[in-house]
Amino acid sequence: MRYVKVNHLQVVAELYEFVNAKALPGSEVTAERFWSGFEALVHDQSPRNRELLADRLADLLVIPAEPHPDWSPEEIRQELDNNAQGILDYVVR
């Protein structure tokens, strides 16, 4: 993935090109004004975003399993695989 440095941000090149070539033309907002405001927004929201990501990670690290003392090791593994598949949204192999 290619990035473009805009002030103190690293912006994915496709987003940068879209905003500058498609979204801003015809508006009264200059690229400099847009990226300056976007940088301020990212800066202001970064602490809260880090908190939300930490909470989400903590939720993902909790293994949702009910106690089933009669389950075999294979049944436990299958349940963990199913849970991981649901949480991470991919096929566990």
PDB file of N, CA and C in Angstrom:
ATOM      1  N   MET A   1       0.852  -1.170   0.000  1.00  0.00           N
ATOM      2  CA  MET A   1       0.000   0.000   0.000  1.00  0.00           C
ATOM      3  C   MET A   1       0.900   1.237   0.000  1.00  0.00           C
ATOM      4  N   ARG A   2       0.533   2.191  -0.797  1.00  0.00           N
ATOM      5  CA  ARG A   2       1.308   3.425  -0.924  1.00  0.00           C
ATOM      6  C   ARG A   2       0.654   4.523  -0.080  1.00  0.00           C
ATOM      7  N   TYR A   3       1.499   5.317   0.583  1.00  0.00           N
ATOM      8  CA  TYR A   3       1.018   6.404   1.429  1.00  0.00           C
ATOM      9  C   TYR A   3       1.577   7.738   0.946  1.00  0.00           C
ATOM     10  N   VAL A   4       0.828   8.794   1.264  1.00  0.00           N
ATOM     11  CA  VAL A   4       1.245  10.162   0.964  1.00  0.00           C
ATOM     12  C   VAL A   4       1.345  10.890   2.296  1.00  0.00           C
ATOM     13  N   LYS A   5       2.447  11.597   2.512  1.00  0.00           N
ATOM     14  CA  LYS A   5       2.594  12.370   3.742  1.00  0.00           C
ATOM     15  C   LYS A   5       1.883  13.704   3.558  1.00  0.00           C
ATOM     16  N   VAL A   6       0.920  13.963   4.436  1.00  0.00           N
ATOM     17  CA  VAL A   6       0.172  15.218   4.418  1.00  0.00           C
ATOM     18  C   VAL A   6       0.288  15.806   5.816  1.00  0.00           C
ATOM     19  N   ASN A   7       1.060  16.873   5.939  1.00  0.00           N
ATOM     20  CA  ASN A   7       1.364  17.451   7.244  1.00  0.00           C
ATOM     21  C   ASN A   7       1.971  16.361   8.126  1.00  0.00           C
ATOM     22  N   HIS A   8       1.297  15.987   9.220  1.00  0.00           N
ATOM     23  CA  HIS A   8       1.822  14.938  10.107  1.00  0.00           C
ATOM     24  C   HIS A   8       1.120  13.597   9.905  1.00  0.00           C
ATOM     25  N   LEU A   9       0.305  13.482   8.884  1.00  0.00           N
ATOM     26  CA  LEU A   9      -0.446  12.249   8.619  1.00  0.00           C
ATOM     27  C   LEU A   9       0.193  11.445   7.499  1.00  0.00           C
ATOM     28  N   GLN A  10      -0.006  10.144   7.552  1.00  0.00           N
ATOM     29  CA  GLN A  10       0.301   9.256   6.436  1.00  0.00           C
ATOM     30  C   GLN A  10      -1.056   8.813   5.897  1.00  0.00           C
ATOM     31  N   VAL A  11      -1.397   9.245   4.694  1.00  0.00           N
ATOM     32  CA  VAL A  11      -2.709   8.988   4.105  1.00  0.00           C
ATOM     33  C   VAL A  11      -2.542   7.985   2.968  1.00  0.00           C
ATOM     34  N   VAL A  12      -3.428   6.992   2.921  1.00  0.00           N
ATOM     35  CA  VAL A  12      -3.404   6.043   1.811  1.00  0.00           C
ATOM     36  C   VAL A  12      -3.551   6.834   0.515  1.00  0.00           C
ATOM     37  N   ALA A  13      -2.687   6.541  -0.437  1.00  0.00           N
ATOM     38  CA  ALA A  13      -2.627   7.320  -1.680  1.00  0.00           C
ATOM     39  C   ALA A  13      -3.974   7.379  -2.393  1.00  0.00           C
ATOM     40  N   GLU A  14      -4.708   6.268  -2.422  1.00  0.00           N
ATOM     41  CA  GLU A  14      -6.009   6.256  -3.109  1.00  0.00           C
ATOM     42  C   GLU A  14      -6.986   7.228  -2.459  1.00  0.00           C
ATOM     43  N   LEU A  15      -6.987   7.304  -1.134  1.00  0.00           N
ATOM     44  CA  LEU A  15      -7.869   8.251  -0.448  1.00  0.00           C
ATOM     45  C   LEU A  15      -7.440   9.685  -0.750  1.00  0.00           C
ATOM     46  N   TYR A  16      -6.154   9.934  -0.677  1.00  0.00           N
ATOM     47  CA  TYR A  16      -5.625  11.269  -0.963  1.00  0.00           C
ATOM     48  C   TYR A  16      -6.011  11.717  -2.376  1.00  0.00           C
ATOM     49  N   GLU A  17      -5.812  10.837  -3.332  1.00  0.00           N
ATOM     50  CA  GLU A  17      -6.135  11.165  -4.725  1.00  0.00           C
ATOM     51  C   GLU A  17      -7.637  11.359  -4.928  1.00  0.00           C
ATOM     52  N   PHE A  18      -8.452  10.518  -4.285  1.00  0.00           N
ATOM     53  CA  PHE A  18      -9.904  10.661  -4.408  1.00  0.00           C
ATOM     54  C   PHE A  18     -10.371  12.010  -3.857  1.00  0.00           C
ATOM     55  N   VAL A  19      -9.923  12.329  -2.652  1.00  0.00           N
ATOM     56  CA  VAL A  19     -10.355  13.586  -2.029  1.00  0.00           C
ATOM     57  C   VAL A  19      -9.950  14.773  -2.895  1.00  0.00           C
ATOM     58  N   ASN A  20      -8.697  14.794  -3.323  1.00  0.00           N
ATOM     59  CA  ASN A  20      -8.199  15.944  -4.086  1.00  0.00           C
ATOM     60  C   ASN A  20      -8.775  16.026  -5.494  1.00  0.00           C
ATOM     61  N   ALA A  21      -8.991  14.878  -6.142  1.00  0.00           N
ATOM     62  CA  ALA A  21      -9.426  14.892  -7.544  1.00  0.00           C
ATOM     63  C   ALA A  21     -10.937  14.821  -7.721  1.00  0.00           C
ATOM     64  N   LYS A  22     -11.642  14.189  -6.789  1.00  0.00           N
ATOM     65  CA  LYS A  22     -13.084  13.962  -6.970  1.00  0.00           C
ATOM     66  C   LYS A  22     -13.958  14.683  -5.941  1.00  0.00           C
ATOM     67  N   ALA A  23     -13.572  14.616  -4.671  1.00  0.00           N
ATOM     68  CA  ALA A  23     -14.451  15.145  -3.620  1.00  0.00           C
ATOM     69  C   ALA A  23     -14.387  16.669  -3.498  1.00  0.00           C
ATOM     70  N   LEU A  24     -13.201  17.236  -3.597  1.00  0.00           N
ATOM     71  CA  LEU A  24     -13.063  18.674  -3.355  1.00  0.00           C
ATOM     72  C   LEU A  24     -13.366  19.578  -4.546  1.00  0.00           C
ATOM     73  N   PRO A  25     -13.022  19.192  -5.774  1.00  0.00           N
ATOM     74  CA  PRO A  25     -13.324  20.093  -6.896  1.00  0.00           C
ATOM     75  C   PRO A  25     -14.817  20.420  -6.970  1.00  0.00           C
ATOM     76  N   GLY A  26     -15.093  21.691  -7.140  1.00  0.00           N
ATOM     77  CA  GLY A  26     -16.480  22.142  -7.175  1.00  0.00           C
ATOM     78  C   GLY A  26     -16.982  22.590  -5.813  1.00  0.00           C
ATOM     79  N   SER A  27     -16.242  22.252  -4.768  1.00  0.00           N
ATOM     80  CA  SER A  27     -16.611  22.734  -3.433  1.00  0.00           C
ATOM     81  C   SER A  27     -15.800  23.998  -3.169  1.00  0.00           C
ATOM     82  N   GLU A  28     -16.090  24.632  -2.091  1.00  0.00           N
ATOM     83  CA  GLU A  28     -15.334  25.835  -1.738  1.00  0.00           C
ATOM     84  C   GLU A  28     -14.199  25.514  -0.780  1.00  0.00           C
ATOM     85  N   VAL A  29     -13.920  24.240  -0.594  1.00  0.00           N
ATOM     86  CA  VAL A  29     -12.884  23.807   0.346  1.00  0.00           C
ATOM     87  C   VAL A  29     -11.613  23.487  -0.430  1.00  0.00           C
ATOM     88  N   THR A  30     -10.523  24.111  -0.020  1.00  0.00           N
ATOM     89  CA  THR A  30      -9.239  23.812  -0.661  1.00  0.00           C
ATOM     90  C   THR A  30      -8.665  22.526  -0.066  1.00  0.00           C
ATOM     91  N   ALA A  31      -7.762  21.912  -0.797  1.00  0.00           N
ATOM     92  CA  ALA A  31      -7.107  20.699  -0.299  1.00  0.00           C
ATOM     93  C   ALA A  31      -6.367  20.998   1.005  1.00  0.00           C
ATOM     94  N   GLU A  32      -5.697  22.133   1.067  1.00  0.00           N
ATOM     95  CA  GLU A  32      -4.952  22.494   2.276  1.00  0.00           C
ATOM     96  C   GLU A  32      -5.882  22.610   3.479  1.00  0.00           C
ATOM     97  N   ARG A  33      -7.026  23.254   3.267  1.00  0.00           N
ATOM     98  CA  ARG A  33      -7.984  23.423   4.369  1.00  0.00           C
ATOM     99  C   ARG A  33      -8.571  22.076   4.786  1.00  0.00           C
ATOM    100  N   PHE A  34      -8.927  21.239   3.801  1.00  0.00           N
ATOM    101  CA  PHE A  34      -9.494  19.933   4.119  1.00  0.00           C
ATOM    102  C   PHE A  34      -8.514  19.097   4.928  1.00  0.00           C
ATOM    103  N   TRP A  35      -7.274  18.951   4.426  1.00  0.00           N
ATOM    104  CA  TRP A  35      -6.314  18.072   5.094  1.00  0.00           C
ATOM    105  C   TRP A  35      -5.901  18.624   6.450  1.00  0.00           C
ATOM    106  N   SER A  36      -5.870  19.933   6.600  1.00  0.00           N
ATOM    107  CA  SER A  36      -5.571  20.534   7.897  1.00  0.00           C
ATOM    108  C   SER A  36      -6.676  20.203   8.904  1.00  0.00           C
ATOM    109  N   GLY A  37      -7.930  20.340   8.471  1.00  0.00           N
ATOM    110  CA  GLY A  37      -9.059  20.000   9.344  1.00  0.00           C
ATOM    111  C   GLY A  37      -9.122  18.517   9.646  1.00  0.00           C
ATOM    112  N   PHE A  38      -8.828  17.695   8.650  1.00  0.00           N
ATOM    113  CA  PHE A  38      -8.829  16.245   8.848  1.00  0.00           C
ATOM    114  C   PHE A  38      -7.740  15.842   9.837  1.00  0.00           C
ATOM    115  N   GLU A  39      -6.569  16.462   9.707  1.00  0.00           N
ATOM    116  CA  GLU A  39      -5.478  16.175  10.640  1.00  0.00           C
ATOM    117  C   GLU A  39      -5.876  16.552  12.068  1.00  0.00           C
ATOM    118  N   ALA A  40      -6.532  17.701  12.234  1.00  0.00           N
ATOM    119  CA  ALA A  40      -6.984  18.123  13.564  1.00  0.00           C
ATOM    120  C   ALA A  40      -8.001  17.135  14.126  1.00  0.00           C
ATOM    121  N   LEU A  41      -8.912  16.665  13.282  1.00  0.00           N
ATOM    122  CA  LEU A  41      -9.908  15.679  13.706  1.00  0.00           C
ATOM    123  C   LEU A  41      -9.240  14.380  14.149  1.00  0.00           C
ATOM    124  N   VAL A  42      -8.304  13.891  13.355  1.00  0.00           N
ATOM    125  CA  VAL A  42      -7.589  12.658  13.708  1.00  0.00           C
ATOM    126  C   VAL A  42      -6.853  12.847  15.029  1.00  0.00           C
ATOM    127  N   HIS A  43      -6.179  13.983  15.176  1.00  0.00           N
ATOM    128  CA  HIS A  43      -5.444  14.264  16.414  1.00  0.00           C
ATOM    129  C   HIS A  43      -6.382  14.302  17.623  1.00  0.00           C
ATOM    130  N   ASP A  44      -7.516  14.984  17.475  1.00  0.00           N
ATOM    131  CA  ASP A  44      -8.466  15.118  18.585  1.00  0.00           C
ATOM    132  C   ASP A  44      -9.108  13.789  18.968  1.00  0.00           C
ATOM    133  N   GLN A  45      -9.376  12.944  17.997  1.00  0.00           N
ATOM    134  CA  GLN A  45     -10.101  11.695  18.250  1.00  0.00           C
ATOM    135  C   GLN A  45      -9.192  10.496  18.535  1.00  0.00           C
ATOM    136  N   SER A  46      -7.896  10.639  18.322  1.00  0.00           N
ATOM    137  CA  SER A  46      -6.980   9.504  18.511  1.00  0.00           C
ATOM    138  C   SER A  46      -7.015   8.905  19.912  1.00  0.00           C
ATOM    139  N   PRO A  47      -7.017   9.697  20.986  1.00  0.00           N
ATOM    140  CA  PRO A  47      -7.058   9.075  22.314  1.00  0.00           C
ATOM    141  C   PRO A  47      -8.321   8.224  22.523  1.00  0.00           C
ATOM    142  N   ARG A  48      -9.458   8.725  22.109  1.00  0.00           N
ATOM    143  CA  ARG A  48     -10.708   7.964  22.267  1.00  0.00           C
ATOM    144  C   ARG A  48     -10.692   6.721  21.383  1.00  0.00           C
ATOM    145  N   ASN A  49     -10.171   6.848  20.182  1.00  0.00           N
ATOM    146  CA  ASN A  49     -10.089   5.705  19.280  1.00  0.00           C
ATOM    147  C   ASN A  49      -9.202   4.613  19.879  1.00  0.00           C
ATOM    148  N   ARG A  50      -8.086   5.011  20.491  1.00  0.00           N
ATOM    149  CA  ARG A  50      -7.212   4.019  21.140  1.00  0.00           C
ATOM    150  C   ARG A  50      -7.952   3.305  22.271  1.00  0.00           C
ATOM    151  N   GLU A  51      -8.751   4.052  23.049  1.00  0.00           N
ATOM    152  CA  GLU A  51      -9.546   3.435  24.124  1.00  0.00           C
ATOM    153  C   GLU A  51     -10.524   2.409  23.554  1.00  0.00           C
ATOM    154  N   LEU A  52     -11.227   2.787  22.501  1.00  0.00           N
ATOM    155  CA  LEU A  52     -12.206   1.883  21.893  1.00  0.00           C
ATOM    156  C   LEU A  52     -11.535   0.636  21.329  1.00  0.00           C
ATOM    157  N   LEU A  53     -10.379   0.806  20.701  1.00  0.00           N
ATOM    158  CA  LEU A  53      -9.657  -0.347  20.167  1.00  0.00           C
ATOM    159  C   LEU A  53      -9.174  -1.262  21.287  1.00  0.00           C
ATOM    160  N   ALA A  54      -8.719  -0.682  22.397  1.00  0.00           N
ATOM    161  CA  ALA A  54      -8.273  -1.491  23.534  1.00  0.00           C
ATOM    162  C   ALA A  54      -9.444  -2.279  24.111  1.00  0.00           C
ATOM    163  N   ASP A  55     -10.610  -1.640  24.235  1.00  0.00           N
ATOM    164  CA  ASP A  55     -11.802  -2.340  24.729  1.00  0.00           C
ATOM    165  C   ASP A  55     -12.183  -3.479  23.793  1.00  0.00           C
ATOM    166  N   ARG A  56     -12.141  -3.218  22.507  1.00  0.00           N
ATOM    167  CA  ARG A  56     -12.504  -4.241  21.514  1.00  0.00           C
ATOM    168  C   ARG A  56     -11.531  -5.412  21.580  1.00  0.00           C
ATOM    169  N   LEU A  57     -10.251  -5.115  21.709  1.00  0.00           N
ATOM    170  CA  LEU A  57      -9.254  -6.177  21.807  1.00  0.00           C
ATOM    171  C   LEU A  57      -9.477  -7.002  23.067  1.00  0.00           C
ATOM    172  N   ALA A  58      -9.779  -6.339  24.174  1.00  0.00           N
ATOM    173  CA  ALA A  58     -10.044  -7.068  25.415  1.00  0.00           C
ATOM    174  C   ALA A  58     -11.245  -7.997  25.247  1.00  0.00           C
ATOM    175  N   ASP A  59     -12.284  -7.528  24.562  1.00  0.00           N
ATOM    176  CA  ASP A  59     -13.457  -8.374  24.309  1.00  0.00           C
ATOM    177  C   ASP A  59     -13.095  -9.576  23.446  1.00  0.00           C
ATOM    178  N   LEU A  60     -12.237  -9.366  22.455  1.00  0.00           N
ATOM    179  CA  LEU A  60     -11.857 -10.462  21.557  1.00  0.00           C
ATOM    180  C   LEU A  60     -11.006 -11.513  22.257  1.00  0.00           C
ATOM    181  N   LEU A  61     -10.263 -11.096  23.277  1.00  0.00           N
ATOM    182  CA  LEU A  61      -9.370 -12.035  23.951  1.00  0.00           C
ATOM    183  C   LEU A  61     -10.079 -12.913  24.973  1.00  0.00           C
ATOM    184  N   VAL A  62     -11.335 -12.597  25.275  1.00  0.00           N
ATOM    185  CA  VAL A  62     -12.116 -13.434  26.183  1.00  0.00           C
ATOM    186  C   VAL A  62     -12.691 -14.589  25.374  1.00  0.00           C
ATOM    187  N   ILE A  63     -12.417 -15.796  25.799  1.00  0.00           N
ATOM    188  CA  ILE A  63     -12.904 -16.970  25.080  1.00  0.00           C
ATOM    189  C   ILE A  63     -14.325 -17.269  25.545  1.00  0.00           C
ATOM    190  N   PRO A  64     -15.298 -17.108  24.647  1.00  0.00           N
ATOM    191  CA  PRO A  64     -16.689 -17.368  25.031  1.00  0.00           C
ATOM    192  C   PRO A  64     -16.991 -18.868  24.966  1.00  0.00           C
ATOM    193  N   ALA A  65     -16.831 -19.534  26.070  1.00  0.00           N
ATOM    194  CA  ALA A  65     -17.100 -20.973  26.107  1.00  0.00           C
ATOM    195  C   ALA A  65     -17.865 -21.305  27.381  1.00  0.00           C
ATOM    196  N   GLU A  66     -18.838 -22.146  27.250  1.00  0.00           N
ATOM    197  CA  GLU A  66     -19.587 -22.606  28.407  1.00  0.00           C
ATOM    198  C   GLU A  66     -18.882 -23.822  28.990  1.00  0.00           C
ATOM    199  N   PRO A  67     -18.980 -24.001  30.297  1.00  0.00           N
ATOM    200  CA  PRO A  67     -18.335 -25.175  30.894  1.00  0.00           C
ATOM    201  C   PRO A  67     -19.067 -26.457  30.496  1.00  0.00           C
ATOM    202  N   HIS A  68     -18.345 -27.363  29.924  1.00  0.00           N
ATOM    203  CA  HIS A  68     -18.866 -28.680  29.549  1.00  0.00           C
ATOM    204  C   HIS A  68     -17.835 -29.721  29.978  1.00  0.00           C
ATOM    205  N   PRO A  69     -17.897 -30.135  31.246  1.00  0.00           N
ATOM    206  CA  PRO A  69     -16.876 -31.064  31.742  1.00  0.00           C
ATOM    207  C   PRO A  69     -16.868 -32.407  31.007  1.00  0.00           C
ATOM    208  N   ASP A  70     -17.945 -32.726  30.311  1.00  0.00           N
ATOM    209  CA  ASP A  70     -18.011 -34.011  29.622  1.00  0.00           C
ATOM    210  C   ASP A  70     -17.459 -33.951  28.194  1.00  0.00           C
ATOM    211  N   TRP A  71     -17.011 -32.783  27.742  1.00  0.00           N
ATOM    212  CA  TRP A  71     -16.505 -32.666  26.379  1.00  0.00           C
ATOM    213  C   TRP A  71     -15.120 -33.294  26.251  1.00  0.00           C
ATOM    214  N   SER A  72     -14.894 -33.889  25.109  1.00  0.00           N
ATOM    215  CA  SER A  72     -13.571 -34.442  24.803  1.00  0.00           C
ATOM    216  C   SER A  72     -12.657 -33.297  24.357  1.00  0.00           C
ATOM    217  N   PRO A  73     -11.347 -33.521  24.347  1.00  0.00           N
ATOM    218  CA  PRO A  73     -10.438 -32.482  23.841  1.00  0.00           C
ATOM    219  C   PRO A  73     -10.789 -32.049  22.408  1.00  0.00           C
ATOM    220  N   GLU A  74     -11.230 -32.987  21.575  1.00  0.00           N
ATOM    221  CA  GLU A  74     -11.605 -32.655  20.199  1.00  0.00           C
ATOM    222  C   GLU A  74     -12.840 -31.747  20.176  1.00  0.00           C
ATOM    223  N   GLU A  75     -13.823 -32.019  21.026  1.00  0.00           N
ATOM    224  CA  GLU A  75     -15.028 -31.173  21.083  1.00  0.00           C
ATOM    225  C   GLU A  75     -14.683 -29.766  21.578  1.00  0.00           C
ATOM    226  N   ILE A  76     -13.778 -29.677  22.533  1.00  0.00           N
ATOM    227  CA  ILE A  76     -13.338 -28.367  23.031  1.00  0.00           C
ATOM    228  C   ILE A  76     -12.643 -27.598  21.907  1.00  0.00           C
ATOM    229  N   ARG A  77     -11.748 -28.274  21.168  1.00  0.00           N
ATOM    230  CA  ARG A  77     -11.041 -27.634  20.067  1.00  0.00           C
ATOM    231  C   ARG A  77     -12.024 -27.138  19.010  1.00  0.00           C
ATOM    232  N   GLN A  78     -13.021 -27.949  18.684  1.00  0.00           N
ATOM    233  CA  GLN A  78     -14.018 -27.551  17.685  1.00  0.00           C
ATOM    234  C   GLN A  78     -14.800 -26.318  18.150  1.00  0.00           C
ATOM    235  N   GLU A  79     -15.161 -26.292  19.425  1.00  0.00           N
ATOM    236  CA  GLU A  79     -15.893 -25.144  19.962  1.00  0.00           C
ATOM    237  C   GLU A  79     -15.036 -23.880  19.902  1.00  0.00           C
ATOM    238  N   LEU A  80     -13.761 -23.994  20.272  1.00  0.00           N
ATOM    239  CA  LEU A  80     -12.865 -22.842  20.201  1.00  0.00           C
ATOM    240  C   LEU A  80     -12.684 -22.380  18.759  1.00  0.00           C
ATOM    241  N   ASP A  81     -12.558 -23.327  17.835  1.00  0.00           N
ATOM    242  CA  ASP A  81     -12.451 -22.969  16.416  1.00  0.00           C
ATOM    243  C   ASP A  81     -13.706 -22.248  15.940  1.00  0.00           C
ATOM    244  N   ASN A  82     -14.874 -22.744  16.327  1.00  0.00           N
ATOM    245  CA  ASN A  82     -16.134 -22.102  15.935  1.00  0.00           C
ATOM    246  C   ASN A  82     -16.223 -20.689  16.499  1.00  0.00           C
ATOM    247  N   ASN A  83     -15.820 -20.529  17.773  1.00  0.00           N
ATOM    248  CA  ASN A  83     -15.848 -19.199  18.380  1.00  0.00           C
ATOM    249  C   ASN A  83     -14.883 -18.261  17.671  1.00  0.00           C
ATOM    250  N   ALA A  84     -13.674 -18.738  17.387  1.00  0.00           N
ATOM    251  CA  ALA A  84     -12.688 -17.905  16.699  1.00  0.00           C
ATOM    252  C   ALA A  84     -13.193 -17.529  15.317  1.00  0.00           C
ATOM    253  N   GLN A  85     -13.828 -18.474  14.657  1.00  0.00           N
ATOM    254  CA  GLN A  85     -14.366 -18.212  13.325  1.00  0.00           C
ATOM    255  C   GLN A  85     -15.420 -17.105  13.390  1.00  0.00           C
ATOM    256  N   GLY A  86     -16.302 -17.176  14.377  1.00  0.00           N
ATOM    257  CA  GLY A  86     -17.339 -16.159  14.516  1.00  0.00           C
ATOM    258  C   GLY A  86     -16.781 -14.803  14.898  1.00  0.00           C
ATOM    259  N   ILE A  87     -15.801 -14.797  15.796  1.00  0.00           N
ATOM    260  CA  ILE A  87     -15.227 -13.539  16.262  1.00  0.00           C
ATOM    261  C   ILE A  87     -14.375 -12.896  15.179  1.00  0.00           C
ATOM    262  N   LEU A  88     -13.516 -13.685  14.576  1.00  0.00           N
ATOM    263  CA  LEU A  88     -12.553 -13.140  13.623  1.00  0.00           C
ATOM    264  C   LEU A  88     -13.062 -13.155  12.196  1.00  0.00           C
ATOM    265  N   ASP A  89     -14.197 -13.822  11.975  1.00  0.00           N
ATOM    266  CA  ASP A  89     -14.845 -13.858  10.666  1.00  0.00           C
ATOM    267  C   ASP A  89     -13.947 -14.459   9.585  1.00  0.00           C
ATOM    268  N   TYR A  90     -13.334 -15.581   9.924  1.00  0.00           N
ATOM    269  CA  TYR A  90     -12.569 -16.309   8.919  1.00  0.00           C
ATOM    270  C   TYR A  90     -12.612 -17.791   9.253  1.00  0.00           C
ATOM    271  N   VAL A  91     -12.211 -18.595   8.324  1.00  0.00           N
ATOM    272  CA  VAL A  91     -12.223 -20.041   8.513  1.00  0.00           C
ATOM    273  C   VAL A  91     -10.955 -20.447   9.239  1.00  0.00           C
ATOM    274  N   VAL A  92     -11.125 -21.127  10.356  1.00  0.00           N
ATOM    275  CA  VAL A  92      -9.992 -21.619  11.133  1.00  0.00           C
ATOM    276  C   VAL A  92      -9.612 -22.980  10.591  1.00  0.00           C
ATOM    277  N   ARG A  93      -8.343 -23.165  10.323  1.00  0.00           N
ATOM    278  CA  ARG A  93      -7.869 -24.454   9.787  1.00  0.00           C
ATOM    279  C   ARG A  93      -6.974 -25.133  10.784  1.00  0.00           C
TER     280      ARG A  93
END
